[in-house]
Amino acid sequence: MENFYIRELNPNDYKRKEKRASIRIDVVNDYPGNVVPFWEKLGFAGNETITLEWGNKKSNAVVMRKSL
């Protein structure tokens, strides 16, 4: 698996290159002080609750999307 990170996301470049209308992120929200408000300030909105699993660990998360 290739390691990568995003330095700066230009929504117009992403939309054109990937032919997408929105960006989806899954944000764990089952602890106090979670980062949901951070993503909301960046224009993402939560619209679905899911459970993420890593090995034996399960966490509640919200699916957040932002239109491009």
PDB file of N, CA and C in Angstrom:
ATOM      1  N   MET A   1       0.846  -1.180   0.000  1.00  0.00           N
ATOM      2  CA  MET A   1       0.000   0.000   0.000  1.00  0.00           C
ATOM      3  C   MET A   1       0.889   1.239   0.000  1.00  0.00           C
ATOM      4  N   GLU A   2       0.553   2.163  -0.797  1.00  0.00           N
ATOM      5  CA  GLU A   2       1.345   3.384  -0.937  1.00  0.00           C
ATOM      6  C   GLU A   2       0.948   4.411   0.121  1.00  0.00           C
ATOM      7  N   ASN A   3       1.939   5.002   0.771  1.00  0.00           N
ATOM      8  CA  ASN A   3       1.667   6.061   1.745  1.00  0.00           C
ATOM      9  C   ASN A   3       1.525   7.389   1.018  1.00  0.00           C
ATOM     10  N   PHE A   4       0.569   8.187   1.446  1.00  0.00           N
ATOM     11  CA  PHE A   4       0.385   9.500   0.849  1.00  0.00           C
ATOM     12  C   PHE A   4      -0.325  10.417   1.836  1.00  0.00           C
ATOM     13  N   TYR A   5      -0.262  11.691   1.567  1.00  0.00           N
ATOM     14  CA  TYR A   5      -1.036  12.658   2.319  1.00  0.00           C
ATOM     15  C   TYR A   5      -1.370  13.818   1.387  1.00  0.00           C
ATOM     16  N   ILE A   6      -2.373  14.574   1.770  1.00  0.00           N
ATOM     17  CA  ILE A   6      -2.819  15.696   0.942  1.00  0.00           C
ATOM     18  C   ILE A   6      -2.262  16.980   1.534  1.00  0.00           C
ATOM     19  N   ARG A   7      -1.451  17.674   0.774  1.00  0.00           N
ATOM     20  CA  ARG A   7      -0.939  18.965   1.241  1.00  0.00           C
ATOM     21  C   ARG A   7      -2.009  20.032   1.105  1.00  0.00           C
ATOM     22  N   GLU A   8      -2.581  20.103  -0.051  1.00  0.00           N
ATOM     23  CA  GLU A   8      -3.617  21.103  -0.306  1.00  0.00           C
ATOM     24  C   GLU A   8      -4.585  20.497  -1.304  1.00  0.00           C
ATOM     25  N   LEU A   9      -5.848  20.580  -1.002  1.00  0.00           N
ATOM     26  CA  LEU A   9      -6.858  20.018  -1.891  1.00  0.00           C
ATOM     27  C   LEU A   9      -7.572  21.156  -2.600  1.00  0.00           C
ATOM     28  N   ASN A  10      -7.360  21.233  -3.879  1.00  0.00           N
ATOM     29  CA  ASN A  10      -8.061  22.205  -4.696  1.00  0.00           C
ATOM     30  C   ASN A  10      -9.301  21.495  -5.239  1.00  0.00           C
ATOM     31  N   PRO A  11     -10.483  21.840  -4.726  1.00  0.00           N
ATOM     32  CA  PRO A  11     -11.699  21.136  -5.134  1.00  0.00           C
ATOM     33  C   PRO A  11     -11.934  21.118  -6.641  1.00  0.00           C
ATOM     34  N   ASN A  12     -11.589  22.176  -7.333  1.00  0.00           N
ATOM     35  CA  ASN A  12     -11.803  22.210  -8.778  1.00  0.00           C
ATOM     36  C   ASN A  12     -10.900  21.217  -9.497  1.00  0.00           C
ATOM     37  N   ASP A  13      -9.637  21.104  -9.064  1.00  0.00           N
ATOM     38  CA  ASP A  13      -8.728  20.132  -9.661  1.00  0.00           C
ATOM     39  C   ASP A  13      -9.214  18.713  -9.404  1.00  0.00           C
ATOM     40  N   TYR A  14      -9.637  18.454  -8.171  1.00  0.00           N
ATOM     41  CA  TYR A  14     -10.127  17.117  -7.811  1.00  0.00           C
ATOM     42  C   TYR A  14     -11.358  16.768  -8.631  1.00  0.00           C
ATOM     43  N   LYS A  15     -12.278  17.702  -8.731  1.00  0.00           N
ATOM     44  CA  LYS A  15     -13.524  17.469  -9.464  1.00  0.00           C
ATOM     45  C   LYS A  15     -13.227  17.134 -10.924  1.00  0.00           C
ATOM     46  N   ARG A  16     -12.333  17.896 -11.533  1.00  0.00           N
ATOM     47  CA  ARG A  16     -12.004  17.694 -12.939  1.00  0.00           C
ATOM     48  C   ARG A  16     -11.234  16.377 -13.130  1.00  0.00           C
ATOM     49  N   LYS A  17     -10.226  16.135 -12.307  1.00  0.00           N
ATOM     50  CA  LYS A  17      -9.372  14.960 -12.461  1.00  0.00           C
ATOM     51  C   LYS A  17     -10.110  13.665 -12.138  1.00  0.00           C
ATOM     52  N   GLU A  18     -10.856  13.646 -11.058  1.00  0.00           N
ATOM     53  CA  GLU A  18     -11.518  12.425 -10.605  1.00  0.00           C
ATOM     54  C   GLU A  18     -12.961  12.303 -11.091  1.00  0.00           C
ATOM     55  N   LYS A  19     -13.468  13.340 -11.744  1.00  0.00           N
ATOM     56  CA  LYS A  19     -14.851  13.348 -12.243  1.00  0.00           C
ATOM     57  C   LYS A  19     -15.844  13.055 -11.116  1.00  0.00           C
ATOM     58  N   ARG A  20     -15.695  13.765 -10.039  1.00  0.00           N
ATOM     59  CA  ARG A  20     -16.540  13.598  -8.859  1.00  0.00           C
ATOM     60  C   ARG A  20     -17.311  14.887  -8.568  1.00  0.00           C
ATOM     61  N   ALA A  21     -18.471  14.735  -7.930  1.00  0.00           N
ATOM     62  CA  ALA A  21     -19.280  15.888  -7.561  1.00  0.00           C
ATOM     63  C   ALA A  21     -19.164  16.213  -6.082  1.00  0.00           C
ATOM     64  N   SER A  22     -18.576  15.256  -5.302  1.00  0.00           N
ATOM     65  CA  SER A  22     -18.451  15.483  -3.863  1.00  0.00           C
ATOM     66  C   SER A  22     -17.280  14.673  -3.303  1.00  0.00           C
ATOM     67  N   ILE A  23     -16.909  15.027  -2.072  1.00  0.00           N
ATOM     68  CA  ILE A  23     -15.889  14.292  -1.338  1.00  0.00           C
ATOM     69  C   ILE A  23     -16.580  13.667  -0.125  1.00  0.00           C
ATOM     70  N   ARG A  24     -16.258  12.411   0.166  1.00  0.00           N
ATOM     71  CA  ARG A  24     -16.824  11.707   1.318  1.00  0.00           C
ATOM     72  C   ARG A  24     -15.694  11.381   2.296  1.00  0.00           C
ATOM     73  N   ILE A  25     -15.951  11.631   3.583  1.00  0.00           N
ATOM     74  CA  ILE A  25     -15.036  11.205   4.632  1.00  0.00           C
ATOM     75  C   ILE A  25     -15.854  10.538   5.733  1.00  0.00           C
ATOM     76  N   ASP A  26     -15.270   9.553   6.396  1.00  0.00           N
ATOM     77  CA  ASP A  26     -15.903   8.896   7.541  1.00  0.00           C
ATOM     78  C   ASP A  26     -15.174   9.393   8.782  1.00  0.00           C
ATOM     79  N   VAL A  27     -15.896  10.022   9.704  1.00  0.00           N
ATOM     80  CA  VAL A  27     -15.290  10.656  10.869  1.00  0.00           C
ATOM     81  C   VAL A  27     -15.786   9.981  12.149  1.00  0.00           C
ATOM     82  N   VAL A  28     -14.838   9.402  12.909  1.00  0.00           N
ATOM     83  CA  VAL A  28     -15.192   8.773  14.187  1.00  0.00           C
ATOM     84  C   VAL A  28     -15.681   9.860  15.132  1.00  0.00           C
ATOM     85  N   ASN A  29     -16.831   9.606  15.753  1.00  0.00           N
ATOM     86  CA  ASN A  29     -17.440  10.636  16.612  1.00  0.00           C
ATOM     87  C   ASN A  29     -17.910  10.086  17.959  1.00  0.00           C
ATOM     88  N   ASP A  30     -17.329   8.970  18.400  1.00  0.00           N
ATOM     89  CA  ASP A  30     -17.811   8.356  19.639  1.00  0.00           C
ATOM     90  C   ASP A  30     -16.960   8.708  20.864  1.00  0.00           C
ATOM     91  N   TYR A  31     -16.363   9.881  20.856  1.00  0.00           N
ATOM     92  CA  TYR A  31     -15.593  10.339  22.020  1.00  0.00           C
ATOM     93  C   TYR A  31     -15.749  11.848  22.160  1.00  0.00           C
ATOM     94  N   PRO A  32     -15.653  12.371  23.380  1.00  0.00           N
ATOM     95  CA  PRO A  32     -15.753  13.820  23.587  1.00  0.00           C
ATOM     96  C   PRO A  32     -14.577  14.533  22.903  1.00  0.00           C
ATOM     97  N   GLY A  33     -14.848  15.683  22.359  1.00  0.00           N
ATOM     98  CA  GLY A  33     -13.795  16.448  21.687  1.00  0.00           C
ATOM     99  C   GLY A  33     -13.446  15.899  20.317  1.00  0.00           C
ATOM    100  N   ASN A  34     -14.387  15.186  19.682  1.00  0.00           N
ATOM    101  CA  ASN A  34     -14.100  14.628  18.356  1.00  0.00           C
ATOM    102  C   ASN A  34     -13.945  15.752  17.327  1.00  0.00           C
ATOM    103  N   VAL A  35     -13.540  15.393  16.114  1.00  0.00           N
ATOM    104  CA  VAL A  35     -13.197  16.394  15.101  1.00  0.00           C
ATOM    105  C   VAL A  35     -14.340  16.746  14.147  1.00  0.00           C
ATOM    106  N   VAL A  36     -15.560  16.299  14.446  1.00  0.00           N
ATOM    107  CA  VAL A  36     -16.699  16.629  13.572  1.00  0.00           C
ATOM    108  C   VAL A  36     -16.845  18.145  13.384  1.00  0.00           C
ATOM    109  N   PRO A  37     -16.774  18.963  14.444  1.00  0.00           N
ATOM    110  CA  PRO A  37     -16.898  20.412  14.243  1.00  0.00           C
ATOM    111  C   PRO A  37     -15.824  20.987  13.304  1.00  0.00           C
ATOM    112  N   PHE A  38     -14.623  20.428  13.353  1.00  0.00           N
ATOM    113  CA  PHE A  38     -13.555  20.869  12.446  1.00  0.00           C
ATOM    114  C   PHE A  38     -13.974  20.685  10.993  1.00  0.00           C
ATOM    115  N   TRP A  39     -14.477  19.489  10.656  1.00  0.00           N
ATOM    116  CA  TRP A  39     -14.883  19.212   9.282  1.00  0.00           C
ATOM    117  C   TRP A  39     -16.113  20.019   8.880  1.00  0.00           C
ATOM    118  N   GLU A  40     -17.022  20.281   9.835  1.00  0.00           N
ATOM    119  CA  GLU A  40     -18.182  21.121   9.525  1.00  0.00           C
ATOM    120  C   GLU A  40     -17.742  22.534   9.152  1.00  0.00           C
ATOM    121  N   LYS A  41     -16.734  23.054   9.827  1.00  0.00           N
ATOM    122  CA  LYS A  41     -16.214  24.391   9.492  1.00  0.00           C
ATOM    123  C   LYS A  41     -15.628  24.432   8.089  1.00  0.00           C
ATOM    124  N   LEU A  42     -15.190  23.281   7.589  1.00  0.00           N
ATOM    125  CA  LEU A  42     -14.629  23.198   6.243  1.00  0.00           C
ATOM    126  C   LEU A  42     -15.688  22.899   5.188  1.00  0.00           C
ATOM    127  N   GLY A  43     -16.965  22.885   5.617  1.00  0.00           N
ATOM    128  CA  GLY A  43     -18.057  22.735   4.664  1.00  0.00           C
ATOM    129  C   GLY A  43     -18.611  21.334   4.502  1.00  0.00           C
ATOM    130  N   PHE A  44     -18.140  20.383   5.299  1.00  0.00           N
ATOM    131  CA  PHE A  44     -18.667  19.024   5.227  1.00  0.00           C
ATOM    132  C   PHE A  44     -19.931  18.921   6.082  1.00  0.00           C
ATOM    133  N   ALA A  45     -20.864  18.077   5.650  1.00  0.00           N
ATOM    134  CA  ALA A  45     -22.103  17.865   6.398  1.00  0.00           C
ATOM    135  C   ALA A  45     -22.302  16.373   6.599  1.00  0.00           C
ATOM    136  N   GLY A  46     -22.709  16.000   7.818  1.00  0.00           N
ATOM    137  CA  GLY A  46     -22.969  14.596   8.133  1.00  0.00           C
ATOM    138  C   GLY A  46     -24.376  14.212   7.758  1.00  0.00           C
ATOM    139  N   ASN A  47     -24.512  13.031   7.158  1.00  0.00           N
ATOM    140  CA  ASN A  47     -25.846  12.617   6.737  1.00  0.00           C
ATOM    141  C   ASN A  47     -26.143  11.137   6.986  1.00  0.00           C
ATOM    142  N   GLU A  48     -25.215  10.432   7.632  1.00  0.00           N
ATOM    143  CA  GLU A  48     -25.421   9.002   7.854  1.00  0.00           C
ATOM    144  C   GLU A  48     -24.502   8.560   8.997  1.00  0.00           C
ATOM    145  N   THR A  49     -24.990   7.653   9.835  1.00  0.00           N
ATOM    146  CA  THR A  49     -24.181   7.103  10.908  1.00  0.00           C
ATOM    147  C   THR A  49     -23.810   5.670  10.553  1.00  0.00           C
ATOM    148  N   ILE A  50     -22.540   5.313  10.764  1.00  0.00           N
ATOM    149  CA  ILE A  50     -22.053   3.968  10.446  1.00  0.00           C
ATOM    150  C   ILE A  50     -21.188   3.457  11.600  1.00  0.00           C
ATOM    151  N   THR A  51     -20.820   2.188  11.539  1.00  0.00           N
ATOM    152  CA  THR A  51     -19.873   1.601  12.480  1.00  0.00           C
ATOM    153  C   THR A  51     -18.632   1.190  11.704  1.00  0.00           C
ATOM    154  N   LEU A  52     -17.468   1.665  12.136  1.00  0.00           N
ATOM    155  CA  LEU A  52     -16.203   1.286  11.521  1.00  0.00           C
ATOM    156  C   LEU A  52     -15.547   0.227  12.390  1.00  0.00           C
ATOM    157  N   GLU A  53     -14.857  -0.723  11.764  1.00  0.00           N
ATOM    158  CA  GLU A  53     -14.188  -1.792  12.499  1.00  0.00           C
ATOM    159  C   GLU A  53     -12.729  -1.898  12.082  1.00  0.00           C
ATOM    160  N   TRP A  54     -11.856  -1.968  13.085  1.00  0.00           N
ATOM    161  CA  TRP A  54     -10.433  -2.236  12.876  1.00  0.00           C
ATOM    162  C   TRP A  54     -10.082  -3.394  13.795  1.00  0.00           C
ATOM    163  N   GLY A  55      -9.926  -4.575  13.253  1.00  0.00           N
ATOM    164  CA  GLY A  55      -9.679  -5.740  14.100  1.00  0.00           C
ATOM    165  C   GLY A  55     -10.847  -5.963  15.041  1.00  0.00           C
ATOM    166  N   ASN A  56     -10.584  -5.936  16.349  1.00  0.00           N
ATOM    167  CA  ASN A  56     -11.644  -6.127  17.350  1.00  0.00           C
ATOM    168  C   ASN A  56     -12.271  -4.818  17.804  1.00  0.00           C
ATOM    169  N   LYS A  57     -11.789  -3.689  17.332  1.00  0.00           N
ATOM    170  CA  LYS A  57     -12.264  -2.369  17.763  1.00  0.00           C
ATOM    171  C   LYS A  57     -13.376  -1.891  16.843  1.00  0.00           C
ATOM    172  N   LYS A  58     -14.501  -1.472  17.437  1.00  0.00           N
ATOM    173  CA  LYS A  58     -15.606  -0.878  16.685  1.00  0.00           C
ATOM    174  C   LYS A  58     -15.792   0.550  17.168  1.00  0.00           C
ATOM    175  N   SER A  59     -16.037   1.452  16.231  1.00  0.00           N
ATOM    176  CA  SER A  59     -16.266   2.859  16.560  1.00  0.00           C
ATOM    177  C   SER A  59     -17.443   3.395  15.767  1.00  0.00           C
ATOM    178  N   ASN A  60     -18.238   4.254  16.413  1.00  0.00           N
ATOM    179  CA  ASN A  60     -19.300   4.963  15.706  1.00  0.00           C
ATOM    180  C   ASN A  60     -18.671   6.073  14.888  1.00  0.00           C
ATOM    181  N   ALA A  61     -19.231   6.308  13.718  1.00  0.00           N
ATOM    182  CA  ALA A  61     -18.712   7.353  12.844  1.00  0.00           C
ATOM    183  C   ALA A  61     -19.864   7.985  12.088  1.00  0.00           C
ATOM    184  N   VAL A  62     -19.612   9.163  11.589  1.00  0.00           N
ATOM    185  CA  VAL A  62     -20.583   9.859  10.751  1.00  0.00           C
ATOM    186  C   VAL A  62     -19.981   9.993   9.355  1.00  0.00           C
ATOM    187  N   VAL A  63     -20.794   9.724   8.343  1.00  0.00           N
ATOM    188  CA  VAL A  63     -20.380   9.914   6.953  1.00  0.00           C
ATOM    189  C   VAL A  63     -20.604  11.383   6.636  1.00  0.00           C
ATOM    190  N   MET A  64     -19.551  12.058   6.220  1.00  0.00           N
ATOM    191  CA  MET A  64     -19.650  13.486   5.912  1.00  0.00           C
ATOM    192  C   MET A  64     -19.288  13.702   4.454  1.00  0.00           C
ATOM    193  N   ARG A  65     -20.031  14.597   3.815  1.00  0.00           N
ATOM    194  CA  ARG A  65     -19.791  14.887   2.396  1.00  0.00           C
ATOM    195  C   ARG A  65     -19.711  16.398   2.191  1.00  0.00           C
ATOM    196  N   LYS A  66     -18.962  16.741   1.156  1.00  0.00           N
ATOM    197  CA  LYS A  66     -18.859  18.144   0.745  1.00  0.00           C
ATOM    198  C   LYS A  66     -18.988  18.191  -0.774  1.00  0.00           C
ATOM    199  N   SER A  67     -19.898  18.996  -1.266  1.00  0.00           N
ATOM    200  CA  SER A  67     -20.049  19.176  -2.708  1.00  0.00           C
ATOM    201  C   SER A  67     -18.875  19.956  -3.259  1.00  0.00           C
ATOM    202  N   LEU A  68     -18.494  19.598  -4.480  1.00  0.00           N
ATOM    203  CA  LEU A  68     -17.378  20.303  -5.134  1.00  0.00           C
ATOM    204  C   LEU A  68     -17.869  21.337  -6.103  1.00  0.00           C
TER     205      LEU A  68
END
